[in-house]
N, C-alpha and C. Protein backbone atom coordinates (compact mmCIF):
# COMPACT_ATOMS: atom_id res chain seq x y z
N MET A 1 -31.49 63.04 -81.07
CA MET A 1 -29.86 62.91 -80.78
C MET A 1 -29.01 64.11 -80.54
N ARG A 2 -28.97 64.78 -81.80
CA ARG A 2 -28.16 65.86 -82.03
C ARG A 2 -28.33 66.91 -80.94
N LEU A 3 -29.71 67.09 -80.65
CA LEU A 3 -30.05 68.17 -79.59
C LEU A 3 -29.28 67.73 -78.17
N LEU A 4 -29.72 66.55 -77.81
CA LEU A 4 -29.01 66.16 -76.55
C LEU A 4 -27.68 66.03 -76.55
N ARG A 5 -26.95 65.69 -77.84
CA ARG A 5 -25.47 65.53 -77.61
C ARG A 5 -24.69 67.05 -77.68
N ARG A 6 -25.43 67.88 -78.34
CA ARG A 6 -25.12 69.51 -78.22
C ARG A 6 -25.21 69.85 -77.00
N ARG A 7 -26.20 69.77 -76.30
CA ARG A 7 -26.62 70.36 -74.88
C ARG A 7 -25.66 69.80 -73.90
N GLN A 8 -24.98 68.41 -74.27
CA GLN A 8 -23.89 67.99 -73.27
C GLN A 8 -22.52 68.34 -73.70
N GLN A 9 -22.38 69.12 -74.92
CA GLN A 9 -21.22 69.69 -75.47
C GLN A 9 -20.22 68.53 -75.77
N ILE A 10 -20.79 67.41 -76.55
CA ILE A 10 -19.99 66.24 -77.03
C ILE A 10 -20.20 66.32 -78.39
N SER A 11 -18.77 66.36 -78.96
CA SER A 11 -18.57 66.34 -80.40
C SER A 11 -19.19 65.03 -80.99
N GLN A 12 -19.39 65.01 -82.35
CA GLN A 12 -19.85 63.98 -83.22
C GLN A 12 -18.55 62.82 -83.14
N GLN A 13 -17.45 63.53 -83.15
CA GLN A 13 -16.32 62.38 -82.99
C GLN A 13 -16.32 61.61 -81.77
N ARG A 14 -16.27 62.31 -80.62
CA ARG A 14 -16.27 61.85 -79.27
C ARG A 14 -17.58 60.74 -79.20
N LEU A 15 -18.62 61.21 -79.68
CA LEU A 15 -19.75 60.01 -79.61
C LEU A 15 -19.56 58.80 -80.65
N ALA A 16 -19.07 59.10 -81.67
CA ALA A 16 -18.65 58.17 -82.73
C ALA A 16 -17.75 57.06 -82.11
N ASP A 17 -16.65 57.82 -81.44
CA ASP A 17 -15.64 56.98 -80.72
C ASP A 17 -16.09 56.15 -79.62
N ALA A 18 -17.07 56.42 -78.85
CA ALA A 18 -17.67 55.85 -77.86
C ALA A 18 -18.72 54.65 -78.27
N LEU A 19 -19.10 54.80 -79.52
CA LEU A 19 -20.01 53.88 -80.08
C LEU A 19 -19.28 52.81 -81.09
N GLY A 20 -17.91 53.24 -81.37
CA GLY A 20 -17.43 52.37 -82.37
C GLY A 20 -17.85 52.71 -83.77
N LEU A 21 -18.10 53.87 -84.16
CA LEU A 21 -18.53 54.38 -85.42
C LEU A 21 -17.68 55.33 -85.80
N THR A 22 -17.99 55.74 -87.20
CA THR A 22 -17.09 57.05 -87.73
C THR A 22 -18.21 58.22 -87.49
N PHE A 23 -17.68 59.31 -87.33
CA PHE A 23 -18.28 60.47 -87.17
C PHE A 23 -19.48 60.86 -88.17
N GLN A 24 -18.82 60.33 -89.37
CA GLN A 24 -20.05 60.41 -90.59
C GLN A 24 -21.24 59.57 -90.34
N GLN A 25 -21.10 58.46 -89.55
CA GLN A 25 -22.21 57.69 -89.29
C GLN A 25 -23.02 58.35 -88.23
N VAL A 26 -22.43 59.07 -87.37
CA VAL A 26 -23.34 59.75 -86.40
C VAL A 26 -23.91 60.83 -87.08
N GLN A 27 -23.34 61.50 -87.96
CA GLN A 27 -24.10 62.59 -89.04
C GLN A 27 -25.11 62.04 -89.50
N LYS A 28 -25.05 60.84 -90.27
CA LYS A 28 -26.24 60.34 -90.90
C LYS A 28 -27.30 60.02 -89.93
N TYR A 29 -26.99 59.42 -88.82
CA TYR A 29 -28.15 59.25 -87.70
C TYR A 29 -28.74 60.40 -87.43
N GLU A 30 -27.98 61.44 -87.19
CA GLU A 30 -28.68 62.85 -86.78
C GLU A 30 -29.48 63.49 -87.99
N LYS A 31 -29.07 63.36 -89.22
CA LYS A 31 -29.88 63.64 -90.10
C LYS A 31 -31.08 62.91 -90.52
N GLY A 32 -31.09 61.80 -90.17
CA GLY A 32 -32.15 60.69 -90.53
C GLY A 32 -31.93 60.00 -91.68
N SER A 33 -30.77 60.20 -92.32
CA SER A 33 -30.38 59.62 -93.46
C SER A 33 -30.26 57.95 -93.23
N ASN A 34 -29.83 57.49 -92.02
CA ASN A 34 -29.77 56.11 -91.77
C ASN A 34 -30.43 55.89 -90.38
N ARG A 35 -31.20 54.73 -90.57
CA ARG A 35 -31.99 54.30 -89.22
C ARG A 35 -31.03 53.91 -88.24
N ILE A 36 -31.43 53.97 -86.89
CA ILE A 36 -30.61 53.61 -85.73
C ILE A 36 -31.21 52.26 -85.50
N SER A 37 -30.35 51.02 -85.17
CA SER A 37 -30.85 50.02 -84.70
C SER A 37 -31.19 50.14 -83.05
N ALA A 38 -32.06 49.31 -82.73
CA ALA A 38 -32.31 49.33 -81.16
C ALA A 38 -31.21 49.15 -80.28
N SER A 39 -30.39 48.31 -80.66
CA SER A 39 -29.15 48.12 -79.71
C SER A 39 -28.30 49.32 -79.88
N LYS A 40 -27.93 50.00 -81.15
CA LYS A 40 -27.10 51.12 -81.10
C LYS A 40 -27.80 52.43 -80.32
N LEU A 41 -29.28 52.42 -80.33
CA LEU A 41 -29.90 53.46 -79.68
C LEU A 41 -29.83 53.35 -78.21
N TRP A 42 -29.82 52.10 -77.81
CA TRP A 42 -29.54 51.76 -76.40
C TRP A 42 -28.18 52.24 -75.91
N ASP A 43 -27.14 52.00 -76.77
CA ASP A 43 -25.67 52.41 -76.66
C ASP A 43 -25.51 53.85 -76.70
N ILE A 44 -26.33 54.51 -77.26
CA ILE A 44 -26.33 55.96 -77.46
C ILE A 44 -27.12 56.73 -76.00
N ALA A 45 -28.16 56.02 -75.85
CA ALA A 45 -28.97 56.58 -74.46
C ALA A 45 -27.93 56.17 -73.49
N ARG A 46 -27.18 55.11 -73.17
CA ARG A 46 -26.41 54.93 -72.11
C ARG A 46 -25.02 55.92 -72.08
N PHE A 47 -24.65 56.16 -73.24
CA PHE A 47 -23.46 57.05 -73.30
C PHE A 47 -23.67 58.71 -72.95
N LEU A 48 -25.03 58.92 -73.57
CA LEU A 48 -25.61 60.40 -73.22
C LEU A 48 -26.16 60.41 -71.82
N GLU A 49 -26.31 59.30 -71.12
CA GLU A 49 -26.78 59.41 -69.82
C GLU A 49 -28.19 59.83 -69.84
N THR A 50 -29.18 59.18 -70.55
CA THR A 50 -30.52 59.66 -70.60
C THR A 50 -31.22 58.46 -70.69
N PRO A 51 -32.40 58.16 -70.10
CA PRO A 51 -33.42 57.23 -70.18
C PRO A 51 -33.64 56.80 -71.84
N ILE A 52 -33.64 55.69 -72.24
CA ILE A 52 -34.09 55.30 -73.67
C ILE A 52 -35.38 55.90 -74.09
N ASP A 53 -36.33 55.92 -73.22
CA ASP A 53 -37.69 56.71 -73.71
C ASP A 53 -37.43 58.20 -74.08
N TYR A 54 -36.38 58.69 -73.86
CA TYR A 54 -36.18 60.09 -74.25
C TYR A 54 -36.35 60.16 -75.96
N PHE A 55 -36.00 59.14 -76.52
CA PHE A 55 -35.85 59.08 -77.98
C PHE A 55 -37.26 58.61 -78.53
N PHE A 56 -38.15 58.33 -77.73
CA PHE A 56 -39.65 58.06 -78.10
C PHE A 56 -40.71 58.90 -77.67
N GLU A 57 -40.25 60.17 -77.02
CA GLU A 57 -41.15 61.05 -76.75
C GLU A 57 -41.95 61.49 -77.93
N GLY A 58 -43.30 61.73 -77.85
CA GLY A 58 -44.09 62.31 -78.90
C GLY A 58 -44.57 61.35 -80.03
N LEU A 59 -44.34 59.91 -79.67
CA LEU A 59 -44.83 59.15 -80.49
C LEU A 59 -46.36 58.81 -80.34
N THR A 60 -46.98 58.49 -81.28
CA THR A 60 -48.51 58.28 -80.98
C THR A 60 -48.73 56.89 -80.14
N ALA A 61 -49.52 57.06 -79.26
CA ALA A 61 -49.73 55.79 -78.23
C ALA A 61 -50.49 54.69 -78.98
N GLY A 62 -51.19 54.92 -79.91
CA GLY A 62 -51.79 53.69 -80.51
C GLY A 62 -51.48 53.32 -81.82
N ALA A 63 -50.18 53.56 -82.24
CA ALA A 63 -49.49 53.23 -83.42
C ALA A 63 -49.17 51.65 -83.35
N VAL A 64 -49.21 51.36 -84.57
CA VAL A 64 -48.85 49.80 -84.73
C VAL A 64 -47.14 49.62 -84.43
N ALA A 65 -46.98 48.80 -83.80
CA ALA A 65 -45.49 48.61 -83.43
C ALA A 65 -44.60 48.34 -84.44
N GLY A 66 -43.69 49.38 -84.39
CA GLY A 66 -42.56 49.47 -85.49
C GLY A 66 -42.93 50.52 -86.57
N MET A 67 -44.18 51.09 -86.64
CA MET A 67 -44.68 51.93 -87.47
C MET A 67 -45.10 53.35 -86.91
N ALA A 68 -44.87 53.57 -85.57
CA ALA A 68 -45.06 54.95 -85.07
C ALA A 68 -44.62 55.83 -85.77
N GLU A 69 -45.18 57.15 -85.96
CA GLU A 69 -44.83 58.36 -86.45
C GLU A 69 -44.79 59.56 -85.23
N PRO A 70 -44.07 60.52 -85.34
CA PRO A 70 -44.23 61.54 -84.45
C PRO A 70 -45.45 62.38 -84.87
N GLU A 71 -46.06 62.71 -83.65
CA GLU A 71 -47.00 63.60 -83.80
C GLU A 71 -46.82 65.08 -84.36
N GLY A 72 -47.53 65.56 -85.14
CA GLY A 72 -47.28 66.91 -85.63
C GLY A 72 -46.54 66.99 -86.85
N PRO A 73 -46.64 68.07 -87.39
CA PRO A 73 -46.02 68.30 -89.07
C PRO A 73 -44.53 67.76 -88.95
N ARG A 74 -44.10 67.00 -90.07
CA ARG A 74 -42.74 66.67 -90.10
C ARG A 74 -41.74 67.90 -90.22
N PHE A 75 -41.90 69.04 -90.70
CA PHE A 75 -41.16 70.07 -90.92
C PHE A 75 -40.57 70.52 -89.39
N THR A 76 -41.30 70.38 -88.56
CA THR A 76 -41.15 70.75 -87.04
C THR A 76 -39.65 70.07 -86.85
N TYR A 77 -39.85 68.56 -87.06
CA TYR A 77 -38.65 67.82 -86.59
C TYR A 77 -37.46 68.08 -87.52
N ASP A 78 -37.94 68.25 -88.72
CA ASP A 78 -36.78 68.70 -89.64
C ASP A 78 -35.92 70.07 -89.32
N PHE A 79 -36.93 71.09 -88.96
CA PHE A 79 -36.27 72.17 -88.49
C PHE A 79 -35.61 72.18 -87.26
N LEU A 80 -35.89 71.50 -86.29
CA LEU A 80 -35.04 71.30 -85.26
C LEU A 80 -33.68 70.61 -85.32
N ALA A 81 -33.66 69.91 -86.35
CA ALA A 81 -32.34 69.04 -86.91
C ALA A 81 -31.29 70.14 -87.44
N THR A 82 -31.97 71.19 -87.80
CA THR A 82 -30.85 72.20 -88.58
C THR A 82 -30.17 72.99 -87.46
N ARG A 83 -29.06 73.54 -88.00
CA ARG A 83 -28.09 74.31 -87.13
C ARG A 83 -29.04 75.56 -86.40
N GLU A 84 -29.72 76.16 -87.24
CA GLU A 84 -30.71 77.19 -86.55
C GLU A 84 -31.56 76.69 -85.67
N GLY A 85 -32.39 75.64 -85.81
CA GLY A 85 -33.30 75.13 -85.16
C GLY A 85 -32.68 74.52 -83.77
N THR A 86 -31.56 74.06 -83.52
CA THR A 86 -30.92 73.64 -82.49
C THR A 86 -30.36 74.77 -81.72
N GLU A 87 -29.82 75.86 -82.35
CA GLU A 87 -29.31 77.11 -81.54
C GLU A 87 -30.66 77.64 -81.25
N LEU A 88 -31.75 77.81 -81.84
CA LEU A 88 -32.87 78.53 -81.30
C LEU A 88 -33.61 77.72 -80.11
N SER A 89 -33.37 76.45 -79.93
CA SER A 89 -33.93 75.62 -79.02
C SER A 89 -32.97 75.85 -77.71
N GLU A 90 -31.76 76.01 -77.99
CA GLU A 90 -30.89 76.31 -76.99
C GLU A 90 -31.10 77.61 -76.31
N LEU A 91 -31.05 78.69 -77.16
CA LEU A 91 -31.24 79.82 -76.68
C LEU A 91 -32.63 80.51 -76.05
N PHE A 92 -33.53 80.11 -76.86
CA PHE A 92 -34.98 80.56 -76.37
C PHE A 92 -35.29 80.36 -74.93
N PRO A 93 -35.16 79.27 -74.57
CA PRO A 93 -35.32 79.02 -72.97
C PRO A 93 -34.71 80.02 -72.02
N ARG A 94 -33.65 80.63 -72.46
CA ARG A 94 -32.80 81.52 -71.63
C ARG A 94 -33.50 82.94 -71.43
N LEU A 95 -34.52 83.03 -72.41
CA LEU A 95 -35.19 84.45 -72.42
C LEU A 95 -36.22 84.29 -71.15
N ARG A 96 -36.29 85.58 -70.74
CA ARG A 96 -37.44 86.08 -69.93
C ARG A 96 -39.12 85.51 -70.58
N PRO A 97 -40.07 85.18 -69.91
CA PRO A 97 -41.23 84.64 -70.37
C PRO A 97 -41.79 85.85 -71.32
N ASP A 98 -41.81 87.13 -70.81
CA ASP A 98 -42.37 88.11 -71.72
C ASP A 98 -41.59 88.44 -73.04
N GLN A 99 -40.39 88.19 -73.06
CA GLN A 99 -39.65 88.06 -74.30
C GLN A 99 -39.85 87.21 -75.11
N ARG A 100 -40.21 85.81 -74.65
CA ARG A 100 -40.51 84.75 -75.25
C ARG A 100 -41.94 85.03 -76.15
N ARG A 101 -42.88 85.68 -75.15
CA ARG A 101 -44.25 86.03 -75.83
C ARG A 101 -44.04 87.10 -77.07
N GLN A 102 -43.31 87.97 -76.94
CA GLN A 102 -42.97 88.91 -77.92
C GLN A 102 -42.29 88.33 -79.18
N ILE A 103 -41.55 87.48 -78.86
CA ILE A 103 -40.88 86.89 -80.04
C ILE A 103 -41.77 86.10 -80.86
N LEU A 104 -42.51 85.41 -80.23
CA LEU A 104 -43.55 84.40 -80.70
C LEU A 104 -44.66 85.43 -81.59
N ALA A 105 -45.07 86.49 -81.11
CA ALA A 105 -46.07 87.33 -81.54
C ALA A 105 -45.26 87.72 -82.80
N LEU A 106 -44.13 88.08 -82.99
CA LEU A 106 -43.49 88.69 -84.06
C LEU A 106 -43.48 87.71 -85.11
N ILE A 107 -43.14 86.38 -84.85
CA ILE A 107 -42.89 85.30 -85.65
C ILE A 107 -44.44 85.03 -86.17
N ARG A 108 -45.37 84.92 -85.46
CA ARG A 108 -46.82 84.86 -85.92
C ARG A 108 -47.07 85.85 -86.98
N THR A 109 -46.80 87.08 -86.86
CA THR A 109 -47.11 88.23 -87.69
C THR A 109 -46.20 88.09 -88.88
N MET A 110 -44.88 87.60 -88.87
CA MET A 110 -44.23 87.21 -90.13
C MET A 110 -44.73 86.24 -91.03
N VAL A 111 -45.20 85.15 -90.22
CA VAL A 111 -45.80 83.98 -91.18
C VAL A 111 -46.93 84.40 -91.74
N GLU A 112 -47.92 85.07 -90.85
CA GLU A 112 -49.13 85.52 -91.69
C GLU A 112 -48.86 86.65 -92.84
N ASP A 113 -47.78 87.44 -92.76
CA ASP A 113 -47.26 88.05 -93.84
C ASP A 113 -46.95 87.29 -94.95
N VAL A 114 -46.08 86.51 -94.78
CA VAL A 114 -45.68 85.13 -95.75
C VAL A 114 -47.05 84.67 -96.57
N ALA A 115 -47.87 84.16 -95.52
CA ALA A 115 -49.09 83.51 -96.12
C ALA A 115 -49.82 84.55 -97.15
N LYS A 116 -49.95 85.69 -96.90
CA LYS A 116 -50.65 86.48 -97.63
C LYS A 116 -50.10 86.79 -99.00
N ASP A 117 -48.69 86.78 -99.02
CA ASP A 117 -47.92 87.07 -100.25
C ASP A 117 -48.23 85.90 -101.35
């Protein structure tokens, strides 16, 4: 939700006003502190002009209804919810493909060094 809202340059306050919420409630939704009801998620998707299935990308296909978990490590999603993760996801696509590969190689090397310590 945060990534989509920021891509559209919509403030938490503007989204909150449109949904009849406080900006603090929007913050809690974005951090995952509070669950979003199906009807509120529908309202968010309509306001952000995105298909509702945008919010369900990456869910496991065979999961029990209501119990689906995103595939992949949880820390990936937690990282993308941070300011650094959001900024990185906005800036990285602007790089040339060769620059992206160089940055990934650098990060892999740095992670290997950390693992060795």
